[in-house]
Amino acid sequence: MFAKTCCLLFLLAAFLLVPAQRHIVLIHEIFADPTPAVGLPDAEYIELRNTSSSAINLQGWRLQTASTTSSAFPSYLLQPDSLVIVTSRTNAALFASNTIGLTSFPALPNEGTTLLLRNAAGHTIHVLEYDKSWYQNPVKAEGGWSLEMMDAANACGGSTNWKAAVDATGGTPGSANSVKALNPDHTPPALTEITAPDSTKLLLRFSESLDSLAVVRATYQLTPAIAIRQAIPQAPLFHSILLQLNSPLQRGQQYTVAVSNLTDCAGNRITSDNTAPAGLPLAAEKGDIIVNEILFNPKDDGSDYVELYNRSKKIIDCSGLWLANRNGSGFSNLQQISTTPRYLFPGNYLVLTEDRNAILRQYLVKEPGALLQINELPSLPDDKGSTALLTAQSGTIDELAYNKNWHFALLSDDAGVALERIDPEKPTQAQYNWTSAAASAGFGTPTYRNTQYQQTGISNAAISIAPKLVSPDGDGFDDFCTINYALDAPNYVANVTLFDIGGRRVRYLVQNQTLAQSGNWRWDGLGDNNSLLPQGSYILLVELFNLQGKKQQFKQAIALVRK
């Protein structure tokens, strides 16, 4: 009997002393905003899940936010592949029996925070940084619904692996998540940004959590060459790497960092997005950065934005810049662009908005990393207003007082249409240097060169068509023709019409379309209403005109052949 008892005690001790490893227990559900109530108790909670095949005693564990640490968990044996709710002791009775009530449960901010789960030894078991975008539903983000993890096998998935609950009660505390689904991470990490804490350090930021062990095995190359002494993964999120250099960076020199043999938390190896510029920032002076594009009258579900362009040869830290409104002889509504270092390199753009997702929905954003959401923009009225770019050291860097009358005169509705600067070297306040973004580009070009861009001294206009024989039979060879245009000035409007050999109109390709200074159209061999046209010769007529009375016409014969 004694031997059996000792054996049982030994097995029980081994059972309870399973070492806690990273991701062996996950933060599996978050209820940060209970109001307005949908069906859940009016109490914040998190749900933990044991993803291992062994029971784990949570005694001494703690939950930590960016500002608060919970009291220690009491003894609680979390069984394999099971769930437990964690909330305040006063609210524990509102939930099921599998609940831990803490004397001190940290508040979960509605807007988001960093959440860490630490074991009794202080080791991080799971960490995430949620925000309201994780709901993937703007209505549910306003309260009453929990955030649920989709795939427990993708612990580092971040925003791509979480969404608002779909259960009718608003969440599933203590039960299987209502959004449970396979959601593996097959996306390699991307190097998104580099800043310099000082002349001998570079901080590399990545798009997702990295394998901290892979950081020391990875390869880093700096051009022009400087030897790298050490690479240090940055806890707790492991989104960043600190490179310590053997010799200092030279001020005024732009470098490039390339990273290889680095993997993310899921084991995906970095591929094409493995380089980024680096260097030491310099102070911004008047005219170094300019207001390059502005949307002040967005669509009903849209958001204002201001695009900045670095026309200097300097690397400039935008955390030292403020946007403001002109108020008589002074400024008001000052908004700091960033509270953390954010470098703008020569020839690059930075777009500021209050709703990043709205801009991504409504416009082509070629450089998503250059689209920055800030808490609040200065006031941008729909009819007229002002915005100024300021620094504490140099005062006003650039300033624009805009008016909706600056839009293209033939534009019927300016809602959702951005004003674009034409020439970055001409005065900001010159009305002739601004016009509406082209319809052909979706009425806005946030993060890339303006459709109406025209650099001083450059003039060219041309229409070209290729091929001039079209055979739309689906064989992948000459199934359509492309009409390319390059114009000598902004604010042109185009009509593009196709006629048969008898002079009868058979297709309107474009009608009264405002144009970028270059672009193209495509003809697929069909007539109006996608009607089939007989083979033969056709005439393409391109008509261009602007408000200054300048008109141009281009005619070109095109042959249509059918097999």
Protein backbone atom coordinates (compact mmCIF):
# COMPACT_ATOMS: atom_id res chain seq x y z
CA MET A 1 0.00 0.00 0.00
CA PHE A 2 2.84 2.38 0.91
CA ALA A 3 4.59 1.64 -2.38
CA LYS A 4 1.39 2.31 -4.35
CA THR A 5 0.84 5.58 -2.48
CA CYS A 6 4.42 6.73 -3.15
CA CYS A 7 4.04 5.81 -6.80
CA LEU A 8 0.80 7.80 -7.06
CA LEU A 9 2.38 10.80 -5.33
CA PHE A 10 5.35 10.63 -7.68
CA LEU A 11 3.10 10.54 -10.74
CA LEU A 12 0.97 13.40 -9.37
CA ALA A 13 4.07 15.51 -8.71
CA ALA A 14 5.31 14.89 -12.24
CA PHE A 15 1.83 15.78 -13.52
CA LEU A 16 1.78 19.10 -11.68
CA LEU A 17 5.36 20.09 -12.44
CA VAL A 18 5.13 20.19 -16.24
CA PRO A 19 7.40 23.13 -17.18
CA ALA A 20 5.45 26.08 -18.60
CA GLN A 21 6.75 26.99 -22.07
CA ARG A 22 5.92 29.84 -24.44
CA HIS A 23 2.41 29.46 -25.92
CA ILE A 24 1.57 26.43 -23.80
CA VAL A 25 -1.28 28.59 -22.45
CA LEU A 26 -2.87 31.24 -24.67
CA ILE A 27 -4.92 34.37 -24.19
CA HIS A 28 -7.87 33.02 -26.18
CA GLU A 29 -10.67 35.59 -25.77
CA ILE A 30 -10.78 39.25 -24.63
CA PHE A 31 -13.82 41.16 -23.40
CA ALA A 32 -12.63 44.74 -22.99
CA ASP A 33 -15.82 46.75 -23.56
CA PRO A 34 -18.99 45.29 -21.96
CA THR A 35 -21.31 48.17 -22.90
CA PRO A 36 -23.71 48.39 -24.57
CA ALA A 37 -24.64 44.91 -23.37
CA VAL A 38 -25.57 42.31 -25.98
CA GLY A 39 -25.97 39.28 -23.75
CA LEU A 40 -22.78 38.88 -21.75
CA PRO A 41 -22.35 39.97 -18.11
CA ASP A 42 -21.33 43.58 -17.57
CA ALA A 43 -17.80 42.58 -16.61
CA GLU A 44 -14.43 42.55 -18.35
CA TYR A 45 -12.70 39.19 -18.67
CA ILE A 46 -10.10 37.22 -20.56
CA GLU A 47 -10.21 33.54 -21.40
CA LEU A 48 -7.14 31.29 -21.26
CA ARG A 49 -6.67 28.03 -23.12
CA ASN A 50 -4.26 25.21 -22.28
CA THR A 51 -2.99 24.07 -25.69
CA SER A 52 -0.81 21.29 -24.28
CA SER A 53 -1.50 17.64 -23.51
CA SER A 54 -0.74 18.09 -19.80
CA ALA A 55 -2.44 19.86 -16.90
CA ILE A 56 -0.82 23.09 -15.73
CA ASN A 57 -1.16 24.73 -12.32
CA LEU A 58 -1.62 28.49 -12.81
CA GLN A 59 -0.73 29.37 -9.21
CA GLY A 60 1.40 32.52 -9.08
CA TRP A 61 0.75 33.46 -12.71
CA ARG A 62 -0.12 37.08 -13.52
CA LEU A 63 -1.80 39.09 -16.26
CA GLN A 64 -0.13 42.35 -17.23
CA THR A 65 -1.19 45.30 -19.38
CA ALA A 66 0.89 48.27 -20.51
CA SER A 67 0.16 50.01 -17.19
CA THR A 68 -1.03 47.43 -14.62
CA THR A 69 -0.18 43.97 -13.30
CA SER A 70 -2.80 41.70 -11.77
CA SER A 71 -2.60 40.00 -8.41
CA ALA A 72 -1.19 36.47 -8.46
CA PHE A 73 -3.48 33.70 -9.66
CA PRO A 74 -4.61 31.26 -6.96
CA SER A 75 -3.94 27.56 -7.33
CA TYR A 76 -5.93 26.35 -10.34
CA LEU A 77 -5.23 23.20 -12.33
CA LEU A 78 -5.96 23.95 -15.99
CA GLN A 79 -6.61 20.65 -17.71
CA PRO A 80 -5.26 19.79 -21.19
CA ASP A 81 -7.05 21.51 -24.08
CA SER A 82 -9.41 23.29 -21.69
CA LEU A 83 -10.50 26.85 -20.94
CA VAL A 84 -10.69 29.11 -17.91
CA ILE A 85 -12.20 32.59 -17.51
CA VAL A 86 -10.17 35.20 -15.63
CA THR A 87 -11.94 38.25 -14.20
CA SER A 88 -12.17 40.27 -10.99
CA ARG A 89 -13.18 38.48 -7.80
CA THR A 90 -16.31 40.61 -7.48
CA ASN A 91 -17.48 39.52 -10.96
CA ALA A 92 -16.46 35.85 -10.81
CA ALA A 93 -19.94 34.72 -9.74
CA LEU A 94 -21.37 36.10 -13.01
CA PHE A 95 -19.60 33.39 -14.99
CA ALA A 96 -19.41 29.60 -15.11
CA SER A 97 -17.59 27.42 -12.59
CA ASN A 98 -14.38 27.40 -14.64
CA THR A 99 -13.53 30.94 -13.52
CA ILE A 100 -10.61 32.49 -11.64
CA GLY A 101 -11.50 35.62 -9.67
CA LEU A 102 -8.57 37.95 -8.96
CA THR A 103 -8.47 40.51 -6.16
CA SER A 104 -6.77 42.85 -8.62
CA PHE A 105 -7.80 42.39 -12.26
CA PRO A 106 -6.23 44.96 -14.64
CA ALA A 107 -8.58 47.17 -16.63
CA LEU A 108 -8.70 46.28 -20.33
CA PRO A 109 -8.69 49.55 -22.33
CA ASN A 110 -11.36 49.72 -25.04
CA GLU A 111 -8.88 51.19 -27.52
CA GLY A 112 -6.35 48.42 -26.92
CA THR A 113 -3.18 47.64 -25.02
CA THR A 114 -0.36 45.12 -24.71
CA LEU A 115 -1.46 42.01 -22.79
CA LEU A 116 1.10 39.66 -21.25
CA LEU A 117 0.56 36.36 -19.48
CA ARG A 118 3.49 35.49 -17.19
CA ASN A 119 4.08 32.34 -15.19
CA ALA A 120 5.12 32.24 -11.52
CA ALA A 121 8.78 32.55 -12.52
CA GLY A 122 8.04 35.75 -14.47
CA HIS A 123 8.52 34.19 -17.92
CA THR A 124 6.26 35.43 -20.71
CA ILE A 125 3.96 32.62 -21.87
CA HIS A 126 1.84 34.62 -24.31
CA VAL A 127 1.81 38.26 -25.38
CA LEU A 128 -0.32 40.24 -27.81
CA GLU A 129 -1.15 43.86 -28.57
CA TYR A 130 -4.81 44.25 -29.49
CA ASP A 131 -6.66 47.32 -30.74
CA LYS A 132 -10.14 48.10 -32.08
CA SER A 133 -9.22 47.14 -35.65
CA TRP A 134 -8.99 43.51 -34.50
CA TYR A 135 -12.79 43.32 -34.33
CA GLN A 136 -12.92 43.62 -38.13
CA ASN A 137 -16.38 45.09 -37.56
CA PRO A 138 -16.81 48.80 -36.70
CA VAL A 139 -20.21 48.24 -35.04
CA LYS A 140 -19.03 45.44 -32.75
CA ALA A 141 -15.89 47.43 -31.93
CA GLU A 142 -18.10 49.94 -30.09
CA GLY A 143 -18.88 47.49 -27.29
CA GLY A 144 -20.78 44.44 -26.11
CA TRP A 145 -18.80 41.91 -28.17
CA SER A 146 -15.68 39.97 -27.27
CA LEU A 147 -12.56 39.45 -29.35
CA GLU A 148 -11.93 35.79 -30.14
CA MET A 149 -8.88 33.95 -31.45
CA MET A 150 -9.62 31.96 -34.60
CA ASP A 151 -6.79 29.42 -34.70
CA ALA A 152 -4.98 28.43 -31.50
CA ALA A 153 -2.18 26.93 -33.61
CA ASN A 154 -1.38 30.45 -34.86
CA ALA A 155 -0.51 32.07 -31.53
CA CYS A 156 1.47 34.93 -33.10
CA GLY A 157 -1.10 35.74 -35.77
CA GLY A 158 -2.06 39.07 -34.23
CA SER A 159 -4.80 41.01 -36.00
CA THR A 160 -5.06 38.41 -38.78
CA ASN A 161 -6.06 35.70 -36.27
CA TRP A 162 -8.65 37.59 -34.20
CA LYS A 163 -12.11 38.95 -34.88
CA ALA A 164 -15.32 39.85 -33.08
CA ALA A 165 -17.41 36.96 -31.77
CA VAL A 166 -20.40 35.91 -33.85
CA ASP A 167 -22.27 34.17 -31.03
CA ALA A 168 -25.64 35.85 -30.41
CA THR A 169 -24.73 36.61 -26.78
CA GLY A 170 -21.65 38.61 -27.83
CA GLY A 171 -19.00 36.08 -26.80
CA THR A 172 -18.27 32.55 -25.60
CA PRO A 173 -16.54 32.74 -22.18
CA GLY A 174 -15.51 29.25 -21.08
CA SER A 175 -16.71 27.63 -24.32
CA ALA A 176 -15.28 27.04 -27.79
CA ASN A 177 -14.82 30.29 -29.69
CA SER A 178 -17.58 31.10 -32.16
CA VAL A 179 -15.05 32.17 -34.83
CA LYS A 180 -12.92 29.03 -34.49
CA ALA A 181 -11.36 28.15 -37.86
CA LEU A 182 -8.15 26.98 -39.47
CA ASN A 183 -6.08 30.09 -40.06
CA PRO A 184 -2.40 29.19 -40.51
CA ASP A 185 0.25 31.86 -41.03
CA HIS A 186 2.00 31.40 -44.39
CA THR A 187 3.08 35.04 -44.78
CA PRO A 188 6.80 35.77 -44.38
CA PRO A 189 7.87 38.67 -42.16
CA ALA A 190 8.64 42.03 -43.77
CA LEU A 191 11.18 44.64 -42.70
CA THR A 192 9.02 47.77 -42.44
CA GLU A 193 11.06 50.52 -40.81
CA ILE A 194 14.46 51.37 -39.32
CA THR A 195 15.32 54.10 -36.83
CA ALA A 196 18.58 54.99 -35.08
CA PRO A 197 18.45 55.32 -31.25
CA ASP A 198 22.01 56.67 -31.50
CA SER A 199 24.94 56.64 -33.93
CA THR A 200 25.97 53.05 -33.07
CA LYS A 201 22.52 51.41 -32.96
CA LEU A 202 19.78 50.62 -35.47
CA LEU A 203 16.30 49.47 -34.46
CA LEU A 204 14.72 47.27 -37.15
CA ARG A 205 10.92 46.90 -37.05
CA PHE A 206 9.07 44.02 -38.69
CA SER A 207 5.49 43.32 -39.70
CA GLU A 208 4.98 40.49 -37.20
CA SER A 209 6.49 38.59 -34.28
CA LEU A 210 9.82 36.94 -34.97
CA ASP A 211 11.39 33.71 -33.79
CA SER A 212 13.66 35.15 -31.11
CA LEU A 213 16.17 32.31 -31.49
CA ALA A 214 16.37 32.88 -35.26
CA VAL A 215 17.34 36.53 -34.68
CA VAL A 216 20.86 35.61 -33.55
CA ARG A 217 21.30 33.17 -36.48
CA ALA A 218 20.11 35.59 -39.17
CA THR A 219 22.39 37.56 -41.52
CA TYR A 220 22.45 41.37 -41.55
CA GLN A 221 24.25 43.53 -44.12
CA LEU A 222 24.69 47.31 -43.96
CA THR A 223 25.55 49.29 -47.12
CA PRO A 224 27.84 51.31 -47.12
CA ALA A 225 29.51 48.66 -45.01
CA ILE A 226 29.69 48.88 -41.22
CA ALA A 227 30.36 45.73 -39.20
CA ILE A 228 27.51 44.58 -36.96
CA ARG A 229 28.58 43.51 -33.48
CA GLN A 230 25.34 42.04 -32.14
CA ALA A 231 21.66 41.49 -32.99
CA ILE A 232 19.30 41.57 -29.99
CA PRO A 233 15.59 40.55 -30.23
CA GLN A 234 13.33 43.03 -28.45
CA ALA A 235 10.95 41.48 -25.91
CA PRO A 236 8.11 41.03 -25.26
CA LEU A 237 6.46 41.24 -28.71
CA PHE A 238 9.63 40.42 -30.69
CA HIS A 239 8.57 42.69 -33.55
CA SER A 240 11.95 44.47 -33.45
CA ILE A 241 15.68 43.79 -33.52
CA LEU A 242 18.37 46.08 -32.12
CA LEU A 243 21.59 46.03 -34.15
CA GLN A 244 24.70 47.22 -32.33
CA LEU A 245 27.37 48.53 -34.73
CA ASN A 246 31.15 48.38 -34.46
CA SER A 247 31.55 51.97 -35.69
CA PRO A 248 29.22 54.98 -35.80
CA LEU A 249 26.87 55.97 -38.61
CA GLN A 250 27.90 59.08 -40.54
CA ARG A 251 25.45 61.97 -40.39
CA GLY A 252 24.10 62.88 -43.85
CA GLN A 253 24.74 59.38 -45.23
CA GLN A 254 21.82 57.13 -46.19
CA TYR A 255 22.36 53.41 -45.65
CA THR A 256 20.51 50.26 -46.66
CA VAL A 257 20.04 47.27 -44.37
CA ALA A 258 19.39 43.80 -45.83
CA VAL A 259 18.23 40.87 -43.70
CA SER A 260 18.27 37.18 -44.61
CA ASN A 261 17.79 33.79 -42.91
CA LEU A 262 15.27 35.28 -40.46
CA THR A 263 11.99 33.53 -39.61
CA ASP A 264 8.79 34.62 -37.93
CA CYS A 265 7.07 32.96 -34.99
CA ALA A 266 5.38 30.48 -37.36
CA GLY A 267 8.63 29.56 -39.13
CA ASN A 268 8.12 31.56 -42.35
CA ARG A 269 11.43 32.80 -43.75
CA ILE A 270 11.87 36.44 -44.80
CA THR A 271 11.96 36.81 -48.59
CA SER A 272 11.56 39.88 -50.81
CA ASP A 273 10.63 42.53 -48.23
CA ASN A 274 14.02 42.26 -46.55
CA THR A 275 15.61 45.68 -47.16
CA ALA A 276 14.95 49.18 -45.82
CA PRO A 277 16.75 52.54 -45.72
CA ALA A 278 18.52 53.70 -42.57
CA GLY A 279 20.52 56.65 -41.29
CA LEU A 280 20.74 59.45 -38.76
CA PRO A 281 17.99 62.09 -38.94
CA LEU A 282 18.58 65.81 -39.42
CA ALA A 283 16.43 68.74 -38.32
CA ALA A 284 13.73 69.86 -40.74
CA GLU A 285 14.01 73.39 -42.11
CA LYS A 286 11.55 75.53 -44.05
CA GLY A 287 10.60 73.88 -47.33
CA ASP A 288 12.26 70.52 -46.63
CA ILE A 289 8.87 68.80 -46.30
CA ILE A 290 5.82 70.09 -48.17
CA VAL A 291 2.06 69.53 -48.17
CA ASN A 292 1.66 67.54 -51.38
CA GLU A 293 -1.98 66.36 -51.40
CA ILE A 294 -5.03 66.99 -49.24
CA LEU A 295 -8.49 65.44 -48.96
CA PHE A 296 -10.74 67.78 -46.97
CA ASN A 297 -14.19 66.66 -48.22
CA PRO A 298 -14.26 62.86 -47.92
CA LYS A 299 -17.16 60.61 -48.83
CA ASP A 300 -19.69 59.86 -46.08
CA ASP A 301 -17.81 56.74 -44.94
CA GLY A 302 -14.38 58.19 -45.67
CA SER A 303 -11.73 60.18 -43.82
CA ASP A 304 -9.69 63.34 -44.40
CA TYR A 305 -6.01 62.95 -45.16
CA VAL A 306 -2.92 65.11 -45.60
CA GLU A 307 0.03 63.85 -47.64
CA LEU A 308 3.54 65.11 -46.90
CA TYR A 309 6.51 64.84 -49.29
CA ASN A 310 10.19 65.07 -48.38
CA ARG A 311 11.72 67.05 -51.23
CA SER A 312 15.03 67.55 -49.41
CA LYS A 313 18.08 65.30 -49.26
CA LYS A 314 17.70 64.87 -45.49
CA ILE A 315 16.38 62.04 -43.36
CA ILE A 316 13.78 63.74 -41.13
CA ASP A 317 12.21 62.37 -37.95
CA CYS A 318 8.49 63.21 -38.11
CA SER A 319 8.10 62.84 -34.35
CA GLY A 320 9.49 66.38 -34.23
CA LEU A 321 6.73 67.72 -36.52
CA TRP A 322 3.21 69.01 -35.77
CA LEU A 323 0.20 69.68 -38.00
CA ALA A 324 -1.90 72.72 -37.09
CA ASN A 325 -4.49 75.22 -38.30
CA ARG A 326 -3.70 78.88 -38.93
CA ASN A 327 -5.48 81.06 -36.37
CA GLY A 328 -4.90 84.73 -37.18
CA SER A 329 -1.26 85.45 -36.51
CA GLY A 330 -0.76 82.14 -34.71
CA PHE A 331 -1.72 78.47 -34.84
CA SER A 332 -4.27 76.23 -33.11
CA ASN A 333 -5.23 72.54 -32.96
CA LEU A 334 -1.60 71.38 -32.90
CA GLN A 335 -1.30 67.62 -33.46
CA GLN A 336 2.01 65.81 -33.12
CA ILE A 337 2.54 63.50 -36.08
CA SER A 338 4.10 60.69 -34.03
CA THR A 339 5.08 60.16 -30.41
CA THR A 340 7.74 57.64 -31.46
CA PRO A 341 10.53 58.05 -34.04
CA ARG A 342 9.14 57.97 -37.59
CA TYR A 343 11.65 58.73 -40.34
CA LEU A 344 10.73 60.28 -43.69
CA PHE A 345 13.48 59.63 -46.24
CA PRO A 346 14.29 61.85 -49.25
CA GLY A 347 11.75 61.52 -52.05
CA ASN A 348 9.27 59.61 -49.87
CA TYR A 349 5.66 60.31 -48.87
CA LEU A 350 3.79 60.12 -45.56
CA VAL A 351 -0.02 60.25 -45.44
CA LEU A 352 -1.76 61.22 -42.19
CA THR A 353 -5.38 60.26 -41.49
CA GLU A 354 -7.73 59.47 -38.61
CA ASP A 355 -9.05 56.30 -40.29
CA ARG A 356 -6.45 54.22 -42.07
CA ASN A 357 -8.91 51.52 -43.09
CA ALA A 358 -11.19 54.05 -44.81
CA ILE A 359 -8.32 55.22 -47.02
CA LEU A 360 -7.35 51.64 -47.84
CA ARG A 361 -10.96 50.88 -48.82
CA GLN A 362 -11.48 53.88 -51.07
CA TYR A 363 -8.13 54.51 -52.76
CA LEU A 364 -5.23 52.66 -54.27
CA VAL A 365 -2.50 52.80 -51.60
CA LYS A 366 0.74 51.68 -53.20
CA GLU A 367 2.80 52.01 -50.01
CA PRO A 368 0.65 50.96 -47.01
CA GLY A 369 3.61 51.51 -44.69
CA ALA A 370 3.47 55.22 -45.55
CA LEU A 371 -0.15 55.53 -44.38
CA LEU A 372 -0.15 56.61 -40.72
CA GLN A 373 -3.25 56.78 -38.54
CA ILE A 374 -3.14 59.52 -35.91
CA ASN A 375 -5.62 60.28 -33.15
CA GLU A 376 -6.79 63.57 -34.61
CA LEU A 377 -6.09 65.78 -37.62
CA PRO A 378 -6.43 69.55 -37.40
CA SER A 379 -9.82 70.77 -38.60
CA LEU A 380 -10.21 70.52 -42.40
CA PRO A 381 -13.54 72.14 -43.41
CA ASP A 382 -15.18 71.07 -46.68
CA ASP A 383 -15.21 74.55 -48.26
CA LYS A 384 -11.94 76.19 -47.24
CA GLY A 385 -9.37 75.90 -44.51
CA SER A 386 -5.70 75.70 -43.69
CA THR A 387 -3.04 73.30 -42.53
CA ALA A 388 0.50 74.05 -41.45
CA LEU A 389 3.53 71.88 -40.74
CA LEU A 390 5.54 73.09 -37.74
CA THR A 391 8.64 72.27 -35.70
CA ALA A 392 9.70 73.58 -32.32
CA GLN A 393 13.13 74.55 -33.68
CA SER A 394 12.43 76.03 -37.12
CA GLY A 395 8.83 77.21 -36.86
CA THR A 396 6.74 76.85 -40.02
CA ILE A 397 8.05 74.24 -42.47
CA ASP A 398 5.15 74.57 -44.93
CA GLU A 399 1.63 76.00 -44.91
CA LEU A 400 -1.41 75.69 -47.18
CA ALA A 401 -4.65 77.70 -47.17
CA TYR A 402 -6.91 75.76 -49.53
CA ASN A 403 -10.28 76.47 -51.15
CA LYS A 404 -12.72 74.06 -52.80
CA ASN A 405 -12.76 76.43 -55.80
CA TRP A 406 -9.27 75.15 -56.60
CA HIS A 407 -10.87 71.93 -57.86
CA PHE A 408 -11.16 71.32 -61.57
CA ALA A 409 -14.02 73.53 -62.79
CA LEU A 410 -15.83 70.77 -64.72
CA LEU A 411 -15.91 68.47 -61.70
CA SER A 412 -19.58 67.87 -60.82
CA ASP A 413 -19.00 66.58 -57.26
CA ASP A 414 -15.83 67.07 -55.21
CA ALA A 415 -16.75 64.63 -52.40
CA GLY A 416 -13.91 62.14 -52.10
CA VAL A 417 -11.70 64.07 -54.55
CA ALA A 418 -8.25 65.07 -53.31
CA LEU A 419 -6.44 68.27 -54.25
CA GLU A 420 -3.02 67.47 -55.68
CA ARG A 421 0.05 69.64 -55.90
CA ILE A 422 1.28 69.87 -59.49
CA ASP A 423 4.93 70.86 -59.06
CA PRO A 424 6.78 70.29 -55.75
CA GLU A 425 9.20 73.11 -56.58
CA LYS A 426 6.56 75.79 -57.15
CA PRO A 427 4.97 77.77 -54.28
CA THR A 428 2.60 75.94 -51.95
CA GLN A 429 0.11 78.79 -51.83
CA ALA A 430 -0.11 79.31 -55.61
CA GLN A 431 -3.60 78.29 -56.76
CA TYR A 432 -2.25 77.41 -60.22
CA ASN A 433 -0.08 74.75 -58.54
CA TRP A 434 -3.10 72.71 -57.33
CA THR A 435 -5.83 70.76 -59.07
CA SER A 436 -8.14 67.78 -58.61
CA ALA A 437 -6.74 64.26 -58.61
CA ALA A 438 -7.65 62.47 -61.81
CA ALA A 439 -10.73 60.28 -62.12
CA SER A 440 -8.57 57.71 -63.91
CA ALA A 441 -6.65 57.22 -60.63
CA GLY A 442 -9.72 57.06 -58.38
CA PHE A 443 -9.58 60.77 -57.42
CA GLY A 444 -6.66 60.37 -55.02
CA THR A 445 -3.08 59.08 -54.89
CA PRO A 446 -2.17 58.67 -51.20
CA THR A 447 1.42 57.41 -50.67
CA TYR A 448 2.61 57.80 -54.27
CA ARG A 449 3.29 60.41 -56.96
CA ASN A 450 0.39 62.66 -57.87
CA THR A 451 -1.54 62.04 -61.07
CA GLN A 452 -1.16 65.71 -61.95
CA TYR A 453 2.57 65.82 -61.16
CA GLN A 454 4.49 68.06 -63.52
CA GLN A 455 8.08 68.95 -62.84
CA THR A 456 9.34 72.31 -64.04
CA GLY A 457 10.88 72.12 -67.51
CA ILE A 458 9.28 68.84 -68.58
CA SER A 459 6.79 68.93 -71.46
CA ASN A 460 5.58 66.09 -73.64
CA ALA A 461 2.29 64.87 -75.10
CA ALA A 462 1.72 61.67 -77.06
CA ILE A 463 -0.85 58.96 -77.85
CA SER A 464 0.23 55.45 -78.83
CA ILE A 465 -1.74 52.28 -79.60
CA ALA A 466 -0.48 48.70 -79.53
CA PRO A 467 -1.18 46.34 -81.12
CA LYS A 468 -3.07 47.79 -84.08
CA LEU A 469 -4.52 44.41 -84.98
CA VAL A 470 -6.81 42.86 -82.35
CA SER A 471 -7.95 39.22 -82.32
CA PRO A 472 -10.14 38.72 -79.21
CA ASP A 473 -10.31 34.92 -79.25
CA GLY A 474 -8.99 34.17 -75.76
CA ASP A 475 -5.71 32.63 -76.91
CA GLY A 476 -3.68 35.17 -74.93
CA PHE A 477 -2.24 36.76 -78.08
CA ASP A 478 -3.42 40.26 -79.11
CA ASP A 479 -6.78 39.79 -77.35
CA PHE A 480 -6.97 43.53 -76.71
CA CYS A 481 -5.18 46.74 -77.59
CA THR A 482 -3.84 49.35 -75.15
CA ILE A 483 -4.09 53.09 -75.78
CA ASN A 484 -1.32 54.87 -73.85
CA TYR A 485 -1.26 58.61 -73.29
CA ALA A 486 1.27 61.10 -71.92
CA LEU A 487 0.15 64.74 -71.63
CA ASP A 488 1.99 68.05 -71.47
CA ALA A 489 -0.09 69.52 -68.61
CA PRO A 490 -2.69 68.60 -65.98
CA ASN A 491 -6.47 69.14 -66.13
CA TYR A 492 -7.15 67.48 -69.46
CA VAL A 493 -10.51 65.79 -70.09
CA ALA A 494 -10.85 62.95 -72.60
CA ASN A 495 -13.43 61.34 -74.84
CA VAL A 496 -12.39 58.09 -76.52
CA THR A 497 -14.76 56.75 -79.19
CA LEU A 498 -14.63 53.87 -81.67
CA PHE A 499 -16.25 54.12 -85.12
CA ASP A 500 -16.75 51.53 -87.84
CA ILE A 501 -15.57 52.12 -91.39
CA GLY A 502 -18.93 53.70 -92.24
CA GLY A 503 -18.50 56.36 -89.53
CA ARG A 504 -21.05 54.86 -87.12
CA ARG A 505 -20.21 55.00 -83.43
CA VAL A 506 -19.89 51.48 -82.01
CA ARG A 507 -18.23 52.04 -78.63
CA TYR A 508 -17.69 54.81 -76.08
CA LEU A 509 -14.54 53.82 -74.22
CA VAL A 510 -14.33 57.04 -72.17
CA GLN A 511 -16.64 60.02 -71.73
CA ASN A 512 -15.53 63.29 -70.10
CA GLN A 513 -12.90 61.61 -67.94
CA THR A 514 -10.43 63.83 -66.07
CA LEU A 515 -6.97 62.48 -66.71
CA ALA A 516 -3.70 61.96 -64.95
CA GLN A 517 -0.71 63.18 -66.93
CA SER A 518 -0.07 59.64 -68.09
CA GLY A 519 -2.11 56.47 -68.21
CA ASN A 520 -3.89 54.10 -70.55
CA TRP A 521 -7.20 52.64 -71.71
CA ARG A 522 -7.94 49.22 -73.16
CA TRP A 523 -10.23 48.03 -75.98
CA ASP A 524 -11.24 44.37 -75.90
CA GLY A 525 -12.81 44.18 -79.37
CA LEU A 526 -16.38 44.62 -78.10
CA GLY A 527 -18.96 47.31 -78.84
CA ASP A 528 -21.33 49.13 -76.50
CA ASN A 529 -23.17 46.81 -74.09
CA ASN A 530 -20.43 44.22 -74.72
CA SER A 531 -21.85 43.44 -78.15
CA LEU A 532 -19.79 41.40 -80.61
CA LEU A 533 -18.45 43.44 -83.51
CA PRO A 534 -17.77 42.02 -86.96
CA GLN A 535 -14.20 41.79 -88.11
CA GLY A 536 -12.91 44.66 -90.19
CA SER A 537 -11.33 48.09 -89.85
CA TYR A 538 -12.29 50.58 -87.13
CA ILE A 539 -11.27 54.15 -86.31
CA LEU A 540 -10.30 55.11 -82.77
CA LEU A 541 -10.84 58.82 -82.00
CA VAL A 542 -9.20 60.36 -78.91
CA GLU A 543 -10.36 63.91 -78.08
CA LEU A 544 -8.54 65.93 -75.42
CA PHE A 545 -9.45 69.39 -74.12
CA ASN A 546 -8.83 71.62 -71.10
CA LEU A 547 -10.27 74.81 -69.60
CA GLN A 548 -7.70 76.97 -71.37
CA GLY A 549 -9.31 76.03 -74.68
CA LYS A 550 -6.52 73.73 -75.79
CA LYS A 551 -7.90 70.85 -77.88
CA GLN A 552 -6.20 67.89 -79.47
CA GLN A 553 -7.53 65.02 -81.56
CA PHE A 554 -5.86 61.74 -82.44
CA LYS A 555 -7.20 59.23 -84.97
CA GLN A 556 -5.87 55.75 -85.53
CA ALA A 557 -7.08 52.79 -87.59
CA ILE A 558 -7.39 49.44 -85.79
CA ALA A 559 -8.10 46.09 -87.45
CA LEU A 560 -10.39 43.54 -85.76
CA VAL A 561 -9.78 39.92 -86.79
CA ARG A 562 -11.80 36.90 -85.70
CA LYS A 563 -10.87 33.27 -86.25
